[in-house]
Amino acid sequence: MPEPSRRHALAVAAALATTAAVAPRAAAHDHPTPGAPGTFDEVYKGRRIQGRPVAGGGHHHGAGYAVFIDGAELHVMRNADGSWISVVSHYDPVPTPLAAARAAVDELRGARLVPFPAN
């Protein structure tokens, strides 16, 4: 087996350095960030909103995130640019699933969230 080239060794080192830098941020689950959303559970304007990463990927693009308002699932999707949208505020992208949940509560204005059937 031939020895690795200097280019290959540098690429491996860069990948390891990137992984080491990103891993601590991915482990933080209490405060969602645009790159690696974590879990949240709070009451916002009298509504309980919850969110958490889920295994198996998301409905459209493998986002793998579930959001709930008062126990009813709010369908969310991550856009290619990293922003998030929901079925309630589809044309108003936000930076995190938490922001999507809050925007949905604002749009609902006290109405009950009716679950969105995903195909």
PDB file of N, CA and C in Angstrom:
ATOM      1  N   MET A   1       0.837  -1.167   0.000  1.00  0.00           N
ATOM      2  CA  MET A   1       0.000   0.000   0.000  1.00  0.00           C
ATOM      3  C   MET A   1       0.889   1.240   0.000  1.00  0.00           C
ATOM      4  N   PRO A   2       0.640   2.184  -0.933  1.00  0.00           N
ATOM      5  CA  PRO A   2       1.503   3.370  -1.012  1.00  0.00           C
ATOM      6  C   PRO A   2       1.313   4.274   0.193  1.00  0.00           C
ATOM      7  N   GLU A   3       2.370   5.005   0.511  1.00  0.00           N
ATOM      8  CA  GLU A   3       2.284   5.950   1.631  1.00  0.00           C
ATOM      9  C   GLU A   3       1.387   7.127   1.243  1.00  0.00           C
ATOM     10  N   PRO A   4       0.682   7.697   2.216  1.00  0.00           N
ATOM     11  CA  PRO A   4      -0.199   8.823   1.897  1.00  0.00           C
ATOM     12  C   PRO A   4       0.608  10.049   1.464  1.00  0.00           C
ATOM     13  N   SER A   5       0.030  10.805   0.554  1.00  0.00           N
ATOM     14  CA  SER A   5       0.687  12.019   0.092  1.00  0.00           C
ATOM     15  C   SER A   5       0.559  13.108   1.152  1.00  0.00           C
ATOM     16  N   ARG A   6       1.340  14.155   1.003  1.00  0.00           N
ATOM     17  CA  ARG A   6       1.266  15.273   1.931  1.00  0.00           C
ATOM     18  C   ARG A   6      -0.131  15.912   1.855  1.00  0.00           C
ATOM     19  N   ARG A   7      -0.697  16.003   0.658  1.00  0.00           N
ATOM     20  CA  ARG A   7      -2.032  16.576   0.474  1.00  0.00           C
ATOM     21  C   ARG A   7      -3.070  15.761   1.240  1.00  0.00           C
ATOM     22  N   HIS A   8      -2.958  14.426   1.137  1.00  0.00           N
ATOM     23  CA  HIS A   8      -3.904  13.556   1.850  1.00  0.00           C
ATOM     24  C   HIS A   8      -3.745  13.725   3.369  1.00  0.00           C
ATOM     25  N   ALA A   9      -2.524  13.779   3.851  1.00  0.00           N
ATOM     26  CA  ALA A   9      -2.275  13.939   5.288  1.00  0.00           C
ATOM     27  C   ALA A   9      -2.825  15.269   5.792  1.00  0.00           C
ATOM     28  N   LEU A  10      -2.658  16.340   5.012  1.00  0.00           N
ATOM     29  CA  LEU A  10      -3.190  17.647   5.404  1.00  0.00           C
ATOM     30  C   LEU A  10      -4.724  17.639   5.405  1.00  0.00           C
ATOM     31  N   ALA A  11      -5.317  16.962   4.437  1.00  0.00           N
ATOM     32  CA  ALA A  11      -6.776  16.887   4.392  1.00  0.00           C
ATOM     33  C   ALA A  11      -7.315  16.135   5.600  1.00  0.00           C
ATOM     34  N   VAL A  12      -6.672  15.058   5.978  1.00  0.00           N
ATOM     35  CA  VAL A  12      -7.096  14.290   7.151  1.00  0.00           C
ATOM     36  C   VAL A  12      -6.935  15.137   8.412  1.00  0.00           C
ATOM     37  N   ALA A  13      -5.824  15.843   8.529  1.00  0.00           N
ATOM     38  CA  ALA A  13      -5.600  16.692   9.700  1.00  0.00           C
ATOM     39  C   ALA A  13      -6.649  17.804   9.777  1.00  0.00           C
ATOM     40  N   ALA A  14      -6.987  18.400   8.641  1.00  0.00           N
ATOM     41  CA  ALA A  14      -7.998  19.457   8.637  1.00  0.00           C
ATOM     42  C   ALA A  14      -9.362  18.905   9.040  1.00  0.00           C
ATOM     43  N   ALA A  15      -9.702  17.708   8.559  1.00  0.00           N
ATOM     44  CA  ALA A  15     -10.979  17.087   8.916  1.00  0.00           C
ATOM     45  C   ALA A  15     -11.039  16.784  10.407  1.00  0.00           C
ATOM     46  N   LEU A  16      -9.953  16.292  10.974  1.00  0.00           N
ATOM     47  CA  LEU A  16      -9.912  16.009  12.412  1.00  0.00           C
ATOM     48  C   LEU A  16     -10.025  17.293  13.235  1.00  0.00           C
ATOM     49  N   ALA A  17      -9.373  18.340  12.790  1.00  0.00           N
ATOM     50  CA  ALA A  17      -9.445  19.615  13.512  1.00  0.00           C
ATOM     51  C   ALA A  17     -10.856  20.184  13.469  1.00  0.00           C
ATOM     52  N   THR A  18     -11.515  20.069  12.314  1.00  0.00           N
ATOM     53  CA  THR A  18     -12.891  20.555  12.193  1.00  0.00           C
ATOM     54  C   THR A  18     -13.817  19.766  13.090  1.00  0.00           C
ATOM     55  N   THR A  19     -13.662  18.455  13.102  1.00  0.00           N
ATOM     56  CA  THR A  19     -14.488  17.603  13.957  1.00  0.00           C
ATOM     57  C   THR A  19     -14.293  17.954  15.426  1.00  0.00           C
ATOM     58  N   ALA A  20     -13.065  18.179  15.836  1.00  0.00           N
ATOM     59  CA  ALA A  20     -12.783  18.517  17.232  1.00  0.00           C
ATOM     60  C   ALA A  20     -13.393  19.870  17.600  1.00  0.00           C
ATOM     61  N   ALA A  21     -13.422  20.800  16.653  1.00  0.00           N
ATOM     62  CA  ALA A  21     -13.978  22.128  16.936  1.00  0.00           C
ATOM     63  C   ALA A  21     -15.499  22.108  16.978  1.00  0.00           C
ATOM     64  N   VAL A  22     -16.141  21.265  16.166  1.00  0.00           N
ATOM     65  CA  VAL A  22     -17.596  21.230  16.067  1.00  0.00           C
ATOM     66  C   VAL A  22     -18.220  20.352  17.144  1.00  0.00           C
ATOM     67  N   ALA A  23     -17.565  19.316  17.588  1.00  0.00           N
ATOM     68  CA  ALA A  23     -18.138  18.361  18.539  1.00  0.00           C
ATOM     69  C   ALA A  23     -18.647  19.001  19.829  1.00  0.00           C
ATOM     70  N   PRO A  24     -17.906  19.916  20.469  1.00  0.00           N
ATOM     71  CA  PRO A  24     -18.454  20.514  21.702  1.00  0.00           C
ATOM     72  C   PRO A  24     -19.752  21.293  21.465  1.00  0.00           C
ATOM     73  N   ARG A  25     -19.875  21.969  20.323  1.00  0.00           N
ATOM     74  CA  ARG A  25     -21.103  22.708  20.036  1.00  0.00           C
ATOM     75  C   ARG A  25     -22.261  21.759  19.790  1.00  0.00           C
ATOM     76  N   ALA A  26     -22.024  20.653  19.134  1.00  0.00           N
ATOM     77  CA  ALA A  26     -23.099  19.701  18.855  1.00  0.00           C
ATOM     78  C   ALA A  26     -23.591  19.043  20.133  1.00  0.00           C
ATOM     79  N   ALA A  27     -22.752  18.988  21.154  1.00  0.00           N
ATOM     80  CA  ALA A  27     -23.148  18.363  22.410  1.00  0.00           C
ATOM     81  C   ALA A  27     -24.011  19.264  23.273  1.00  0.00           C
ATOM     82  N   ALA A  28     -24.049  20.555  22.983  1.00  0.00           N
ATOM     83  CA  ALA A  28     -24.846  21.485  23.787  1.00  0.00           C
ATOM     84  C   ALA A  28     -26.307  21.401  23.360  1.00  0.00           C
ATOM     85  N   HIS A  29     -27.161  20.816  24.212  1.00  0.00           N
ATOM     86  CA  HIS A  29     -28.556  20.609  23.842  1.00  0.00           C
ATOM     87  C   HIS A  29     -29.515  21.595  24.494  1.00  0.00           C
ATOM     88  N   ASP A  30     -29.058  22.431  25.410  1.00  0.00           N
ATOM     89  CA  ASP A  30     -29.965  23.322  26.103  1.00  0.00           C
ATOM     90  C   ASP A  30     -30.243  24.614  25.347  1.00  0.00           C
ATOM     91  N   HIS A  31     -29.327  25.039  24.511  1.00  0.00           N
ATOM     92  CA  HIS A  31     -29.480  26.299  23.804  1.00  0.00           C
ATOM     93  C   HIS A  31     -29.304  26.062  22.318  1.00  0.00           C
ATOM     94  N   PRO A  32     -30.404  26.042  21.550  1.00  0.00           N
ATOM     95  CA  PRO A  32     -30.302  25.772  20.125  1.00  0.00           C
ATOM     96  C   PRO A  32     -29.472  26.823  19.401  1.00  0.00           C
ATOM     97  N   THR A  33     -28.723  26.384  18.408  1.00  0.00           N
ATOM     98  CA  THR A  33     -27.985  27.269  17.536  1.00  0.00           C
ATOM     99  C   THR A  33     -28.376  26.940  16.110  1.00  0.00           C
ATOM    100  N   PRO A  34     -28.194  27.860  15.177  1.00  0.00           N
ATOM    101  CA  PRO A  34     -28.581  27.567  13.806  1.00  0.00           C
ATOM    102  C   PRO A  34     -27.894  26.335  13.232  1.00  0.00           C
ATOM    103  N   GLY A  35     -26.643  26.070  13.606  1.00  0.00           N
ATOM    104  CA  GLY A  35     -25.933  24.932  13.042  1.00  0.00           C
ATOM    105  C   GLY A  35     -26.270  23.606  13.680  1.00  0.00           C
ATOM    106  N   ALA A  36     -26.574  23.612  14.956  1.00  0.00           N
ATOM    107  CA  ALA A  36     -26.822  22.363  15.670  1.00  0.00           C
ATOM    108  C   ALA A  36     -27.896  22.585  16.726  1.00  0.00           C
ATOM    109  N   PRO A  37     -29.166  22.546  16.317  1.00  0.00           N
ATOM    110  CA  PRO A  37     -30.229  22.806  17.296  1.00  0.00           C
ATOM    111  C   PRO A  37     -30.289  21.738  18.375  1.00  0.00           C
ATOM    112  N   GLY A  38     -30.535  22.161  19.601  1.00  0.00           N
ATOM    113  CA  GLY A  38     -30.656  21.235  20.716  1.00  0.00           C
ATOM    114  C   GLY A  38     -32.106  21.130  21.145  1.00  0.00           C
ATOM    115  N   THR A  39     -32.306  20.686  22.363  1.00  0.00           N
ATOM    116  CA  THR A  39     -33.663  20.544  22.871  1.00  0.00           C
ATOM    117  C   THR A  39     -34.121  21.832  23.549  1.00  0.00           C
ATOM    118  N   PHE A  40     -35.429  22.019  23.593  1.00  0.00           N
ATOM    119  CA  PHE A  40     -35.993  23.127  24.351  1.00  0.00           C
ATOM    120  C   PHE A  40     -37.352  22.701  24.874  1.00  0.00           C
ATOM    121  N   ASP A  41     -37.738  23.292  25.976  1.00  0.00           N
ATOM    122  CA  ASP A  41     -39.041  23.036  26.611  1.00  0.00           C
ATOM    123  C   ASP A  41     -39.346  24.282  27.432  1.00  0.00           C
ATOM    124  N   GLU A  42     -40.285  25.081  26.958  1.00  0.00           N
ATOM    125  CA  GLU A  42     -40.595  26.320  27.645  1.00  0.00           C
ATOM    126  C   GLU A  42     -42.061  26.684  27.435  1.00  0.00           C
ATOM    127  N   VAL A  43     -42.517  27.630  28.231  1.00  0.00           N
ATOM    128  CA  VAL A  43     -43.853  28.189  28.049  1.00  0.00           C
ATOM    129  C   VAL A  43     -43.654  29.557  27.409  1.00  0.00           C
ATOM    130  N   TYR A  44     -44.281  29.743  26.253  1.00  0.00           N
ATOM    131  CA  TYR A  44     -44.181  30.989  25.509  1.00  0.00           C
ATOM    132  C   TYR A  44     -45.596  31.505  25.268  1.00  0.00           C
ATOM    133  N   LYS A  45     -45.891  32.673  25.804  1.00  0.00           N
ATOM    134  CA  LYS A  45     -47.223  33.286  25.690  1.00  0.00           C
ATOM    135  C   LYS A  45     -48.331  32.314  26.104  1.00  0.00           C
ATOM    136  N   GLY A  46     -48.069  31.582  27.183  1.00  0.00           N
ATOM    137  CA  GLY A  46     -49.061  30.671  27.725  1.00  0.00           C
ATOM    138  C   GLY A  46     -49.151  29.329  27.024  1.00  0.00           C
ATOM    139  N   ARG A  47     -48.310  29.086  26.026  1.00  0.00           N
ATOM    140  CA  ARG A  47     -48.328  27.826  25.289  1.00  0.00           C
ATOM    141  C   ARG A  47     -47.050  27.067  25.582  1.00  0.00           C
ATOM    142  N   ARG A  48     -47.150  25.760  25.765  1.00  0.00           N
ATOM    143  CA  ARG A  48     -45.956  24.951  26.002  1.00  0.00           C
ATOM    144  C   ARG A  48     -45.371  24.553  24.656  1.00  0.00           C
ATOM    145  N   ILE A  49     -44.133  24.973  24.430  1.00  0.00           N
ATOM    146  CA  ILE A  49     -43.445  24.608  23.192  1.00  0.00           C
ATOM    147  C   ILE A  49     -42.253  23.740  23.543  1.00  0.00           C
ATOM    148  N   GLN A  50     -42.087  22.679  22.766  1.00  0.00           N
ATOM    149  CA  GLN A  50     -41.013  21.719  22.989  1.00  0.00           C
ATOM    150  C   GLN A  50     -40.375  21.373  21.655  1.00  0.00           C
ATOM    151  N   GLY A  51     -39.101  21.064  21.688  1.00  0.00           N
ATOM    152  CA  GLY A  51     -38.403  20.640  20.483  1.00  0.00           C
ATOM    153  C   GLY A  51     -37.231  19.759  20.838  1.00  0.00           C
ATOM    154  N   ARG A  52     -36.944  18.833  19.937  1.00  0.00           N
ATOM    155  CA  ARG A  52     -35.821  17.923  20.171  1.00  0.00           C
ATOM    156  C   ARG A  52     -35.376  17.295  18.852  1.00  0.00           C
ATOM    157  N   PRO A  53     -34.096  16.983  18.762  1.00  0.00           N
ATOM    158  CA  PRO A  53     -33.627  16.235  17.593  1.00  0.00           C
ATOM    159  C   PRO A  53     -34.240  14.828  17.615  1.00  0.00           C
ATOM    160  N   VAL A  54     -34.514  14.294  16.453  1.00  0.00           N
ATOM    161  CA  VAL A  54     -35.040  12.932  16.357  1.00  0.00           C
ATOM    162  C   VAL A  54     -34.177  12.120  15.410  1.00  0.00           C
ATOM    163  N   ALA A  55     -34.076  10.846  15.673  1.00  0.00           N
ATOM    164  CA  ALA A  55     -33.310   9.938  14.818  1.00  0.00           C
ATOM    165  C   ALA A  55     -34.105   9.632  13.559  1.00  0.00           C
ATOM    166  N   GLY A  56     -33.402   9.339  12.509  1.00  0.00           N
ATOM    167  CA  GLY A  56     -34.066   8.909  11.288  1.00  0.00           C
ATOM    168  C   GLY A  56     -34.320   9.997  10.279  1.00  0.00           C
ATOM    169  N   GLY A  57     -33.949  11.223  10.561  1.00  0.00           N
ATOM    170  CA  GLY A  57     -34.099  12.296   9.587  1.00  0.00           C
ATOM    171  C   GLY A  57     -35.485  12.877   9.562  1.00  0.00           C
ATOM    172  N   GLY A  58     -35.583  13.994   8.896  1.00  0.00           N
ATOM    173  CA  GLY A  58     -36.856  14.702   8.803  1.00  0.00           C
ATOM    174  C   GLY A  58     -37.660  14.290   7.590  1.00  0.00           C
ATOM    175  N   HIS A  59     -38.849  14.837   7.467  1.00  0.00           N
ATOM    176  CA  HIS A  59     -39.790  14.481   6.407  1.00  0.00           C
ATOM    177  C   HIS A  59     -39.244  14.801   5.016  1.00  0.00           C
ATOM    178  N   HIS A  60     -38.634  15.979   4.848  1.00  0.00           N
ATOM    179  CA  HIS A  60     -38.190  16.379   3.523  1.00  0.00           C
ATOM    180  C   HIS A  60     -36.690  16.262   3.322  1.00  0.00           C
ATOM    181  N   HIS A  61     -35.932  16.888   4.189  1.00  0.00           N
ATOM    182  CA  HIS A  61     -34.498  17.032   3.929  1.00  0.00           C
ATOM    183  C   HIS A  61     -33.614  16.457   5.024  1.00  0.00           C
ATOM    184  N   GLY A  62     -34.100  15.519   5.781  1.00  0.00           N
ATOM    185  CA  GLY A  62     -33.283  14.896   6.801  1.00  0.00           C
ATOM    186  C   GLY A  62     -32.968  15.785   7.976  1.00  0.00           C
ATOM    187  N   ALA A  63     -33.810  16.788   8.241  1.00  0.00           N
ATOM    188  CA  ALA A  63     -33.532  17.707   9.346  1.00  0.00           C
ATOM    189  C   ALA A  63     -33.515  16.974  10.671  1.00  0.00           C
ATOM    190  N   GLY A  64     -34.411  16.006  10.851  1.00  0.00           N
ATOM    191  CA  GLY A  64     -34.418  15.224  12.069  1.00  0.00           C
ATOM    192  C   GLY A  64     -34.737  16.027  13.306  1.00  0.00           C
ATOM    193  N   TYR A  65     -35.813  16.817  13.269  1.00  0.00           N
ATOM    194  CA  TYR A  65     -36.173  17.638  14.406  1.00  0.00           C
ATOM    195  C   TYR A  65     -37.682  17.628  14.586  1.00  0.00           C
ATOM    196  N   ALA A  66     -38.133  17.479  15.828  1.00  0.00           N
ATOM    197  CA  ALA A  66     -39.564  17.473  16.142  1.00  0.00           C
ATOM    198  C   ALA A  66     -39.878  18.653  17.045  1.00  0.00           C
ATOM    199  N   VAL A  67     -40.958  19.375  16.720  1.00  0.00           N
ATOM    200  CA  VAL A  67     -41.410  20.528  17.501  1.00  0.00           C
ATOM    201  C   VAL A  67     -42.873  20.306  17.859  1.00  0.00           C
ATOM    202  N   PHE A  68     -43.240  20.653  19.102  1.00  0.00           N
ATOM    203  CA  PHE A  68     -44.601  20.466  19.582  1.00  0.00           C
ATOM    204  C   PHE A  68     -45.106  21.742  20.236  1.00  0.00           C
ATOM    205  N   ILE A  69     -46.375  22.060  19.992  1.00  0.00           N
ATOM    206  CA  ILE A  69     -47.053  23.160  20.671  1.00  0.00           C
ATOM    207  C   ILE A  69     -48.226  22.545  21.420  1.00  0.00           C
ATOM    208  N   ASP A  70     -48.191  22.630  22.739  1.00  0.00           N
ATOM    209  CA  ASP A  70     -49.217  22.024  23.591  1.00  0.00           C
ATOM    210  C   ASP A  70     -49.435  20.551  23.238  1.00  0.00           C
ATOM    211  N   GLY A  71     -48.363  19.848  22.902  1.00  0.00           N
ATOM    212  CA  GLY A  71     -48.425  18.418  22.609  1.00  0.00           C
ATOM    213  C   GLY A  71     -48.736  18.063  21.169  1.00  0.00           C
ATOM    214  N   ALA A  72     -49.185  19.023  20.352  1.00  0.00           N
ATOM    215  CA  ALA A  72     -49.461  18.770  18.936  1.00  0.00           C
ATOM    216  C   ALA A  72     -48.204  19.070  18.121  1.00  0.00           C
ATOM    217  N   GLU A  73     -47.871  18.175  17.213  1.00  0.00           N
ATOM    218  CA  GLU A  73     -46.645  18.363  16.440  1.00  0.00           C
ATOM    219  C   GLU A  73     -46.788  19.485  15.415  1.00  0.00           C
ATOM    220  N   LEU A  74     -45.793  20.363  15.405  1.00  0.00           N
ATOM    221  CA  LEU A  74     -45.685  21.428  14.424  1.00  0.00           C
ATOM    222  C   LEU A  74     -44.686  20.950  13.378  1.00  0.00           C
ATOM    223  N   HIS A  75     -45.121  20.804  12.142  1.00  0.00           N
ATOM    224  CA  HIS A  75     -44.231  20.345  11.079  1.00  0.00           C
ATOM    225  C   HIS A  75     -43.218  21.442  10.774  1.00  0.00           C
ATOM    226  N   VAL A  76     -41.920  21.139  10.948  1.00  0.00           N
ATOM    227  CA  VAL A  76     -40.856  22.088  10.644  1.00  0.00           C
ATOM    228  C   VAL A  76     -39.924  21.484   9.607  1.00  0.00           C
ATOM    229  N   MET A  77     -39.253  22.367   8.884  1.00  0.00           N
ATOM    230  CA  MET A  77     -38.320  21.921   7.862  1.00  0.00           C
ATOM    231  C   MET A  77     -37.139  22.879   7.815  1.00  0.00           C
ATOM    232  N   ARG A  78     -35.969  22.312   7.623  1.00  0.00           N
ATOM    233  CA  ARG A  78     -34.764  23.134   7.499  1.00  0.00           C
ATOM    234  C   ARG A  78     -34.514  23.421   6.027  1.00  0.00           C
ATOM    235  N   ASN A  79     -34.281  24.687   5.724  1.00  0.00           N
ATOM    236  CA  ASN A  79     -33.982  25.103   4.358  1.00  0.00           C
ATOM    237  C   ASN A  79     -32.508  24.866   4.040  1.00  0.00           C
ATOM    238  N   ALA A  80     -32.174  24.918   2.770  1.00  0.00           N
ATOM    239  CA  ALA A  80     -30.796  24.702   2.335  1.00  0.00           C
ATOM    240  C   ALA A  80     -29.838  25.729   2.922  1.00  0.00           C
ATOM    241  N   ASP A  81     -30.321  26.933   3.218  1.00  0.00           N
ATOM    242  CA  ASP A  81     -29.451  27.972   3.782  1.00  0.00           C
ATOM    243  C   ASP A  81     -29.304  27.873   5.300  1.00  0.00           C
ATOM    244  N   GLY A  82     -29.924  26.839   5.910  1.00  0.00           N
ATOM    245  CA  GLY A  82     -29.817  26.647   7.351  1.00  0.00           C
ATOM    246  C   GLY A  82     -30.963  27.249   8.138  1.00  0.00           C
ATOM    247  N   SER A  83     -31.818  28.049   7.489  1.00  0.00           N
ATOM    248  CA  SER A  83     -32.960  28.621   8.190  1.00  0.00           C
ATOM    249  C   SER A  83     -34.055  27.559   8.337  1.00  0.00           C
ATOM    250  N   TRP A  84     -35.049  27.866   9.169  1.00  0.00           N
ATOM    251  CA  TRP A  84     -36.140  26.927   9.445  1.00  0.00           C
ATOM    252  C   TRP A  84     -37.477  27.565   9.115  1.00  0.00           C
ATOM    253  N   ILE A  85     -38.415  26.749   8.653  1.00  0.00           N
ATOM    254  CA  ILE A  85     -39.780  27.188   8.411  1.00  0.00           C
ATOM    255  C   ILE A  85     -40.721  26.161   9.028  1.00  0.00           C
ATOM    256  N   SER A  86     -41.963  26.575   9.235  1.00  0.00           N
ATOM    257  CA  SER A  86     -42.971  25.638   9.724  1.00  0.00           C
ATOM    258  C   SER A  86     -44.184  25.718   8.819  1.00  0.00           C
ATOM    259  N   VAL A  87     -45.091  24.782   9.005  1.00  0.00           N
ATOM    260  CA  VAL A  87     -46.312  24.776   8.218  1.00  0.00           C
ATOM    261  C   VAL A  87     -47.163  26.008   8.526  1.00  0.00           C
ATOM    262  N   VAL A  88     -46.983  26.603   9.704  1.00  0.00           N
ATOM    263  CA  VAL A  88     -47.755  27.788  10.087  1.00  0.00           C
ATOM    264  C   VAL A  88     -47.138  29.061   9.511  1.00  0.00           C
ATOM    265  N   SER A  89     -45.823  29.150   9.525  1.00  0.00           N
ATOM    266  CA  SER A  89     -45.147  30.359   9.017  1.00  0.00           C
ATOM    267  C   SER A  89     -44.185  29.971   7.890  1.00  0.00           C
ATOM    268  N   HIS A  90     -44.754  29.397   6.843  1.00  0.00           N
ATOM    269  CA  HIS A  90     -43.968  28.820   5.752  1.00  0.00           C
ATOM    270  C   HIS A  90     -43.125  29.841   4.995  1.00  0.00           C
ATOM    271  N   TYR A  91     -43.581  31.066   4.892  1.00  0.00           N
ATOM    272  CA  TYR A  91     -42.867  32.066   4.098  1.00  0.00           C
ATOM    273  C   TYR A  91     -42.067  33.049   4.942  1.00  0.00           C
ATOM    274  N   ASP A  92     -41.810  32.693   6.195  1.00  0.00           N
ATOM    275  CA  ASP A  92     -41.059  33.552   7.089  1.00  0.00           C
ATOM    276  C   ASP A  92     -39.954  32.739   7.763  1.00  0.00           C
ATOM    277  N   PRO A  93     -38.819  32.503   7.072  1.00  0.00           N
ATOM    278  CA  PRO A  93     -37.753  31.677   7.653  1.00  0.00           C
ATOM    279  C   PRO A  93     -37.161  32.312   8.911  1.00  0.00           C
ATOM    280  N   VAL A  94     -36.780  31.444   9.848  1.00  0.00           N
ATOM    281  CA  VAL A  94     -36.190  31.866  11.119  1.00  0.00           C
ATOM    282  C   VAL A  94     -34.922  31.048  11.357  1.00  0.00           C
ATOM    283  N   PRO A  95     -34.063  31.476  12.287  1.00  0.00           N
ATOM    284  CA  PRO A  95     -32.760  30.809  12.445  1.00  0.00           C
ATOM    285  C   PRO A  95     -32.778  29.472  13.189  1.00  0.00           C
ATOM    286  N   THR A  96     -33.800  29.196  14.004  1.00  0.00           N
ATOM    287  CA  THR A  96     -33.792  27.974  14.816  1.00  0.00           C
ATOM    288  C   THR A  96     -35.188  27.367  14.903  1.00  0.00           C
ATOM    289  N   PRO A  97     -35.279  26.090  15.269  1.00  0.00           N
ATOM    290  CA  PRO A  97     -36.592  25.491  15.511  1.00  0.00           C
ATOM    291  C   PRO A  97     -37.340  26.182  16.659  1.00  0.00           C
ATOM    292  N   LEU A  98     -36.624  26.654  17.669  1.00  0.00           N
ATOM    293  CA  LEU A  98     -37.257  27.396  18.762  1.00  0.00           C
ATOM    294  C   LEU A  98     -37.926  28.664  18.226  1.00  0.00           C
ATOM    295  N   ALA A  99     -37.234  29.377  17.359  1.00  0.00           N
ATOM    296  CA  ALA A  99     -37.814  30.578  16.757  1.00  0.00           C
ATOM    297  C   ALA A  99     -39.019  30.220  15.887  1.00  0.00           C
ATOM    298  N   ALA A 100     -38.982  29.066  15.216  1.00  0.00           N
ATOM    299  CA  ALA A 100     -40.124  28.617  14.408  1.00  0.00           C
ATOM    300  C   ALA A 100     -41.329  28.330  15.299  1.00  0.00           C
ATOM    301  N   ALA A 101     -41.089  27.711  16.460  1.00  0.00           N
ATOM    302  CA  ALA A 101     -42.181  27.421  17.398  1.00  0.00           C
ATOM    303  C   ALA A 101     -42.784  28.720  17.932  1.00  0.00           C
ATOM    304  N   ARG A 102     -41.941  29.672  18.294  1.00  0.00           N
ATOM    305  CA  ARG A 102     -42.440  30.953  18.797  1.00  0.00           C
ATOM    306  C   ARG A 102     -43.219  31.706  17.719  1.00  0.00           C
ATOM    307  N   ALA A 103     -42.718  31.684  16.487  1.00  0.00           N
ATOM    308  CA  ALA A 103     -43.420  32.349  15.386  1.00  0.00           C
ATOM    309  C   ALA A 103     -44.781  31.704  15.143  1.00  0.00           C
ATOM    310  N   ALA A 104     -44.845  30.380  15.262  1.00  0.00           N
ATOM    311  CA  ALA A 104     -46.120  29.684  15.080  1.00  0.00           C
ATOM    312  C   ALA A 104     -47.108  30.072  16.174  1.00  0.00           C
ATOM    313  N   VAL A 105     -46.639  30.172  17.424  1.00  0.00           N
ATOM    314  CA  VAL A 105     -47.511  30.597  18.522  1.00  0.00           C
ATOM    315  C   VAL A 105     -48.037  32.002  18.243  1.00  0.00           C
ATOM    316  N   ASP A 106     -47.162  32.879  17.771  1.00  0.00           N
ATOM    317  CA  ASP A 106     -47.592  34.240  17.442  1.00  0.00           C
ATOM    318  C   ASP A 106     -48.668  34.224  16.354  1.00  0.00           C
ATOM    319  N   GLU A 107     -48.468  33.415  15.323  1.00  0.00           N
ATOM    320  CA  GLU A 107     -49.427  33.343  14.213  1.00  0.00           C
ATOM    321  C   GLU A 107     -50.749  32.705  14.633  1.00  0.00           C
ATOM    322  N   LEU A 108     -50.685  31.733  15.531  1.00  0.00           N
ATOM    323  CA  LEU A 108     -51.908  31.043  15.959  1.00  0.00           C
ATOM    324  C   LEU A 108     -52.818  31.950  16.777  1.00  0.00           C
ATOM    325  N   ARG A 109     -52.249  32.932  17.461  1.00  0.00           N
ATOM    326  CA  ARG A 109     -53.025  33.893  18.267  1.00  0.00           C
ATOM    327  C   ARG A 109     -54.042  33.201  19.174  1.00  0.00           C
ATOM    328  N   GLY A 110     -53.594  32.144  19.841  1.00  0.00           N
ATOM    329  CA  GLY A 110     -54.455  31.448  20.786  1.00  0.00           C
ATOM    330  C   GLY A 110     -55.207  30.267  20.207  1.00  0.00           C
ATOM    331  N   ALA A 111     -55.245  30.130  18.890  1.00  0.00           N
ATOM    332  CA  ALA A 111     -55.938  28.983  18.273  1.00  0.00           C
ATOM    333  C   ALA A 111     -55.156  27.703  18.519  1.00  0.00           C
ATOM    334  N   ARG A 112     -55.871  26.600  18.513  1.00  0.00           N
ATOM    335  CA  ARG A 112     -55.245  25.287  18.712  1.00  0.00           C
ATOM    336  C   ARG A 112     -54.546  24.871  17.432  1.00  0.00           C
ATOM    337  N   LEU A 113     -53.348  24.287  17.560  1.00  0.00           N
ATOM    338  CA  LEU A 113     -52.620  23.768  16.411  1.00  0.00           C
ATOM    339  C   LEU A 113     -53.250  22.442  16.000  1.00  0.00           C
ATOM    340  N   VAL A 114     -53.658  22.349  14.766  1.00  0.00           N
ATOM    341  CA  VAL A 114     -54.212  21.099  14.232  1.00  0.00           C
ATOM    342  C   VAL A 114     -53.056  20.357  13.566  1.00  0.00           C
ATOM    343  N   PRO A 115     -52.817  19.091  13.950  1.00  0.00           N
ATOM    344  CA  PRO A 115     -51.683  18.347  13.365  1.00  0.00           C
ATOM    345  C   PRO A 115     -51.750  18.313  11.835  1.00  0.00           C
ATOM    346  N   PHE A 116     -50.599  18.458  11.222  1.00  0.00           N
ATOM    347  CA  PHE A 116     -50.471  18.445   9.758  1.00  0.00           C
ATOM    348  C   PHE A 116     -50.134  17.036   9.327  1.00  0.00           C
ATOM    349  N   PRO A 117     -50.961  16.403   8.482  1.00  0.00           N
ATOM    350  CA  PRO A 117     -50.656  15.037   8.060  1.00  0.00           C
ATOM    351  C   PRO A 117     -49.469  15.009   7.099  1.00  0.00           C
ATOM    352  N   ALA A 118     -48.413  14.319   7.483  1.00  0.00           N
ATOM    353  CA  ALA A 118     -47.239  14.183   6.619  1.00  0.00           C
ATOM    354  C   ALA A 118     -47.384  12.913   5.793  1.00  0.00           C
ATOM    355  N   ASN A 119     -47.054  12.992   4.527  1.00  0.00           N
ATOM    356  CA  ASN A 119     -47.179  11.820   3.643  1.00  0.00           C
ATOM    357  C   ASN A 119     -46.054  10.877   3.839  1.00  0.00           C
TER     358      ASN A 119
END
